Amino acid sequence: MIVLGIESSCDETAAALLRDGHEVLASRISSQIKLHAAYGGVIPELAAREHLKNISPLIDATFAQAGIGLQEVEALAVTNRPGLIPALLVGNSYAKGLALANRLPLLGVNHFEAHIYAAFLNQPGLLQNPANFPLLALVVSGGHTALVLVQTDGRAELLGSTLDDAAGEALDKAAKILNLGYPGGPIIERLAKNGDPQAYSFPRALSGASGKATPREHRFNFSFRA
């Protein structure tokens, strides 16, 4: 089965064609980094307008890269949560129209869970072996920092998450305060390679280092502010 996947949850328009759930026939991404750099962060309304401009030619380019046509696609998948609402609307509206016009089934995908399963894209056998479950996944993306327990049947249980900013958000905010540029993560990573890890003693939030025991309800949570 060949599936066309569409992603527009934040500031990148993306499309991919997959065969049988793991063979990537084509993958294309249109970045908006230069557009949002002037603001030091993603502006949802601007992101949505760029998605609207880019999504159709991007999907055409994806088919061209794969060397196949829409008539060979058997289903569509689109990110429907979580994400920036204006940005999600563009991808979902396009996918719904394409599915309706071509009488194709449409699957809404939680992109948070997709981060986990993407790690097995080139190793599908690992997911098919019950001995590998339950598994513990650490999801650290731009807007998420979480521990997730994945069961054999695919159910994902959230064990803990950030109580404030995600790791990526914390890096971007620090970079903005220091006028380092956007996106902040790669810049801070590059500078850190030549830094002194002993120069400052930062507190370890929720670690009990202050002498107070970490509350049981927070034992799997993170904090990048406290």
Protein backbone atom coordinates (compact mmCIF):
# COMPACT_ATOMS: atom_id res chain seq x y z
CA MET A 1 0.00 0.00 0.00
CA ILE A 2 1.26 3.48 -0.89
CA VAL A 3 0.27 6.32 1.45
CA LEU A 4 0.70 10.07 0.97
CA GLY A 5 1.52 11.81 4.25
CA ILE A 6 1.06 15.55 4.78
CA GLU A 7 2.47 17.63 7.65
CA SER A 8 1.78 21.30 8.49
CA SER A 9 1.67 21.44 12.30
CA CYS A 10 4.18 24.26 12.74
CA ASP A 11 6.52 26.11 10.38
CA GLU A 12 7.47 23.41 7.89
CA THR A 13 5.33 22.12 5.06
CA ALA A 14 6.20 18.47 4.43
CA ALA A 15 4.99 15.56 2.35
CA ALA A 16 6.12 11.97 1.93
CA LEU A 17 5.13 8.87 0.01
CA LEU A 18 5.52 5.56 1.85
CA ARG A 19 5.04 2.00 0.71
CA ASP A 20 3.87 -0.59 3.25
CA GLY A 21 4.47 1.73 6.19
CA HIS A 22 8.27 1.81 6.12
CA GLU A 23 9.70 2.25 2.61
CA VAL A 24 10.10 5.98 1.89
CA LEU A 25 9.59 6.55 -1.82
CA ALA A 26 9.94 10.33 -1.56
CA SER A 27 10.12 13.02 1.11
CA ARG A 28 10.06 16.80 0.66
CA ILE A 29 10.19 19.69 3.14
CA SER A 30 9.68 23.42 2.68
CA SER A 31 11.24 25.39 5.55
CA GLN A 32 10.11 28.78 6.85
CA ILE A 33 13.12 29.50 9.08
CA LYS A 34 14.18 32.64 7.20
CA LEU A 35 10.66 34.07 7.36
CA HIS A 36 10.29 33.68 11.14
CA ALA A 37 13.90 34.53 12.03
CA ALA A 38 13.07 38.24 11.99
CA TYR A 39 10.57 37.67 14.83
CA GLY A 40 12.66 35.27 16.90
CA GLY A 41 9.92 32.65 16.79
CA VAL A 42 7.10 31.19 14.73
CA ILE A 43 4.15 33.49 13.95
CA PRO A 44 1.11 31.19 13.44
CA GLU A 45 -0.69 33.40 10.89
CA LEU A 46 2.44 33.82 8.76
CA ALA A 47 3.12 30.09 8.97
CA ALA A 48 -0.39 29.31 7.71
CA ARG A 49 -0.01 31.65 4.72
CA GLU A 50 3.28 30.01 3.77
CA HIS A 51 1.71 26.55 4.06
CA LEU A 52 -1.09 27.68 1.76
CA LYS A 53 1.45 28.90 -0.80
CA ASN A 54 3.76 25.89 -0.59
CA ILE A 55 1.60 22.83 -0.05
CA SER A 56 0.40 22.16 -3.61
CA PRO A 57 3.76 22.58 -5.41
CA LEU A 58 5.48 20.63 -2.61
CA ILE A 59 3.17 17.64 -3.07
CA ASP A 60 3.66 17.82 -6.85
CA ALA A 61 7.43 17.73 -6.24
CA THR A 62 7.02 14.73 -3.93
CA PHE A 63 5.23 12.75 -6.63
CA ALA A 64 7.87 13.79 -9.16
CA GLN A 65 10.64 12.60 -6.84
CA ALA A 66 8.94 9.22 -6.37
CA GLY A 67 8.18 8.87 -10.07
CA ILE A 68 4.55 7.90 -9.47
CA GLY A 69 1.14 9.57 -9.76
CA LEU A 70 -1.78 10.15 -7.41
CA GLN A 71 -3.64 7.25 -9.04
CA GLU A 72 -1.18 4.87 -7.35
CA VAL A 73 -1.91 6.20 -3.86
CA GLU A 74 -4.31 4.10 -1.77
CA ALA A 75 -4.69 6.32 1.31
CA LEU A 76 -3.83 9.73 2.75
CA ALA A 77 -2.52 10.62 6.20
CA VAL A 78 -2.32 14.11 7.69
CA THR A 79 -1.15 15.60 10.98
CA ASN A 80 -4.30 16.69 12.82
CA ARG A 81 -2.87 17.36 16.31
CA PRO A 82 -1.11 18.82 18.22
CA GLY A 83 0.16 21.99 16.59
CA LEU A 84 -0.61 25.58 15.61
CA ILE A 85 -4.31 25.75 14.71
CA PRO A 86 -3.96 28.03 11.64
CA ALA A 87 -1.14 25.85 10.30
CA LEU A 88 -2.99 22.59 10.95
CA LEU A 89 -6.07 23.92 9.16
CA VAL A 90 -4.15 24.31 5.91
CA GLY A 91 -2.82 20.76 5.83
CA ASN A 92 -6.09 19.20 6.98
CA SER A 93 -8.24 21.16 4.54
CA TYR A 94 -5.96 20.25 1.65
CA ALA A 95 -5.88 16.58 2.64
CA LYS A 96 -9.66 16.38 3.07
CA GLY A 97 -10.25 17.95 -0.33
CA LEU A 98 -7.74 15.63 -2.00
CA ALA A 99 -9.22 12.56 -0.30
CA LEU A 100 -12.80 13.52 -1.17
CA ALA A 101 -12.03 14.33 -4.80
CA ASN A 102 -10.19 11.04 -5.31
CA ARG A 103 -12.32 8.84 -3.03
CA LEU A 104 -9.38 7.91 -0.84
CA PRO A 105 -9.46 7.04 2.88
CA LEU A 106 -7.99 9.72 5.15
CA LEU A 107 -6.23 9.06 8.45
CA GLY A 108 -5.61 11.78 11.04
CA VAL A 109 -2.23 11.38 12.77
CA ASN A 110 -1.11 12.60 16.19
CA HIS A 111 2.34 13.92 15.32
CA PHE A 112 3.52 13.50 18.92
CA GLU A 113 3.02 9.74 18.56
CA ALA A 114 4.48 9.88 15.05
CA HIS A 115 7.77 11.10 16.55
CA ILE A 116 7.96 7.79 18.44
CA TYR A 117 7.09 5.51 15.54
CA ALA A 118 9.41 7.37 13.15
CA ALA A 119 12.31 5.91 15.13
CA PHE A 120 11.28 2.47 13.84
CA LEU A 121 10.80 3.50 10.22
CA ASN A 122 13.84 1.57 9.01
CA GLN A 123 13.35 -1.28 11.49
CA PRO A 124 9.68 -2.33 11.18
CA GLY A 125 10.47 -5.77 12.57
CA LEU A 126 11.08 -4.27 16.01
CA LEU A 127 7.46 -3.12 16.24
CA GLN A 128 6.16 -6.52 15.15
CA ASN A 129 7.99 -8.37 17.93
CA PRO A 130 5.92 -8.46 21.17
CA ALA A 131 9.12 -9.08 23.15
CA ASN A 132 10.10 -5.43 22.53
CA PHE A 133 7.08 -4.13 24.47
CA PRO A 134 6.29 -2.30 26.57
CA LEU A 135 8.90 0.26 25.54
CA LEU A 136 9.82 3.61 27.06
CA ALA A 137 10.15 6.53 24.65
CA LEU A 138 11.70 9.93 25.33
CA VAL A 139 10.22 12.53 22.98
CA VAL A 140 12.27 15.73 22.73
CA SER A 141 11.13 17.90 19.83
CA GLY A 142 10.57 21.63 19.40
CA GLY A 143 7.41 21.85 21.48
CA HIS A 144 7.51 18.59 23.43
CA THR A 145 9.57 16.98 26.18
CA ALA A 146 7.92 13.84 27.52
CA LEU A 147 8.31 10.24 28.67
CA VAL A 148 5.85 7.84 27.03
CA LEU A 149 5.14 4.16 27.72
CA VAL A 150 4.12 2.32 24.54
CA GLN A 151 2.20 -0.96 24.85
CA THR A 152 2.07 -3.92 22.45
CA ASP A 153 -1.25 -2.80 20.95
CA GLY A 154 0.14 0.65 20.15
CA ARG A 155 -1.46 2.48 23.07
CA ALA A 156 0.76 5.31 24.29
CA GLU A 157 0.58 6.30 27.97
CA LEU A 158 2.05 9.66 28.97
CA LEU A 159 4.18 9.11 32.09
CA GLY A 160 5.57 12.60 32.43
CA SER A 161 6.10 15.84 30.56
CA THR A 162 7.48 19.32 31.04
CA LEU A 163 5.69 21.46 33.61
CA ASP A 164 6.59 24.64 31.74
CA ASP A 165 8.71 24.99 28.60
CA ALA A 166 9.84 22.14 26.40
CA ALA A 167 13.61 21.80 25.99
CA GLY A 168 13.48 23.27 22.49
CA GLU A 169 11.42 26.24 23.65
CA ALA A 170 13.87 26.90 26.49
CA LEU A 171 16.79 26.95 24.05
CA ASP A 172 15.00 29.32 21.66
CA LYS A 173 14.05 31.69 24.49
CA ALA A 174 17.60 31.71 25.86
CA ALA A 175 18.97 32.42 22.39
CA LYS A 176 16.54 35.31 21.95
CA ILE A 177 17.52 36.85 25.30
CA LEU A 178 21.19 36.58 24.32
CA ASN A 179 20.54 37.89 20.77
CA LEU A 180 22.11 34.78 19.26
CA GLY A 181 19.63 34.38 16.41
CA TYR A 182 16.90 31.93 15.42
CA PRO A 183 16.48 29.00 15.66
CA GLY A 184 18.42 29.01 18.91
CA GLY A 185 19.03 25.28 19.41
CA PRO A 186 21.69 24.74 16.71
CA ILE A 187 23.44 28.00 17.63
CA ILE A 188 23.64 27.15 21.34
CA GLU A 189 24.79 23.62 20.52
CA ARG A 190 27.60 24.96 18.34
CA LEU A 191 28.73 27.46 20.99
CA ALA A 192 28.49 24.86 23.77
CA LYS A 193 31.11 22.67 22.09
CA ASN A 194 33.72 25.31 22.94
CA GLY A 195 32.24 26.22 26.32
CA ASP A 196 33.28 25.41 29.88
CA PRO A 197 30.81 22.97 31.50
CA GLN A 198 32.14 23.95 34.95
CA ALA A 199 31.71 27.72 34.50
CA TYR A 200 28.25 27.87 36.09
CA SER A 201 26.34 25.68 38.50
CA PHE A 202 22.77 25.46 37.27
CA PRO A 203 20.01 24.04 39.51
CA ARG A 204 18.56 20.67 38.54
CA ALA A 205 14.82 21.13 38.75
CA LEU A 206 12.70 18.34 40.28
CA SER A 207 15.83 16.36 41.18
CA GLY A 208 15.60 16.74 44.94
CA ALA A 209 19.01 18.43 44.90
CA SER A 210 17.66 21.24 47.07
CA GLY A 211 17.14 18.79 49.92
CA LYS A 212 13.40 18.53 49.34
CA ALA A 213 12.01 15.25 48.06
CA THR A 214 10.46 15.38 44.60
CA PRO A 215 6.65 15.00 44.87
CA ARG A 216 5.52 11.59 43.65
CA GLU A 217 3.25 13.11 41.01
CA HIS A 218 6.26 14.87 39.46
CA ARG A 219 8.73 11.97 39.52
CA PHE A 220 8.64 11.57 35.72
CA ASN A 221 8.17 15.24 34.86
CA PHE A 222 10.63 17.85 33.61
CA SER A 223 11.09 21.55 34.27
CA PHE A 224 13.30 24.00 32.39
CA ARG A 225 12.37 27.08 34.42
CA ALA A 226 12.50 26.05 38.08
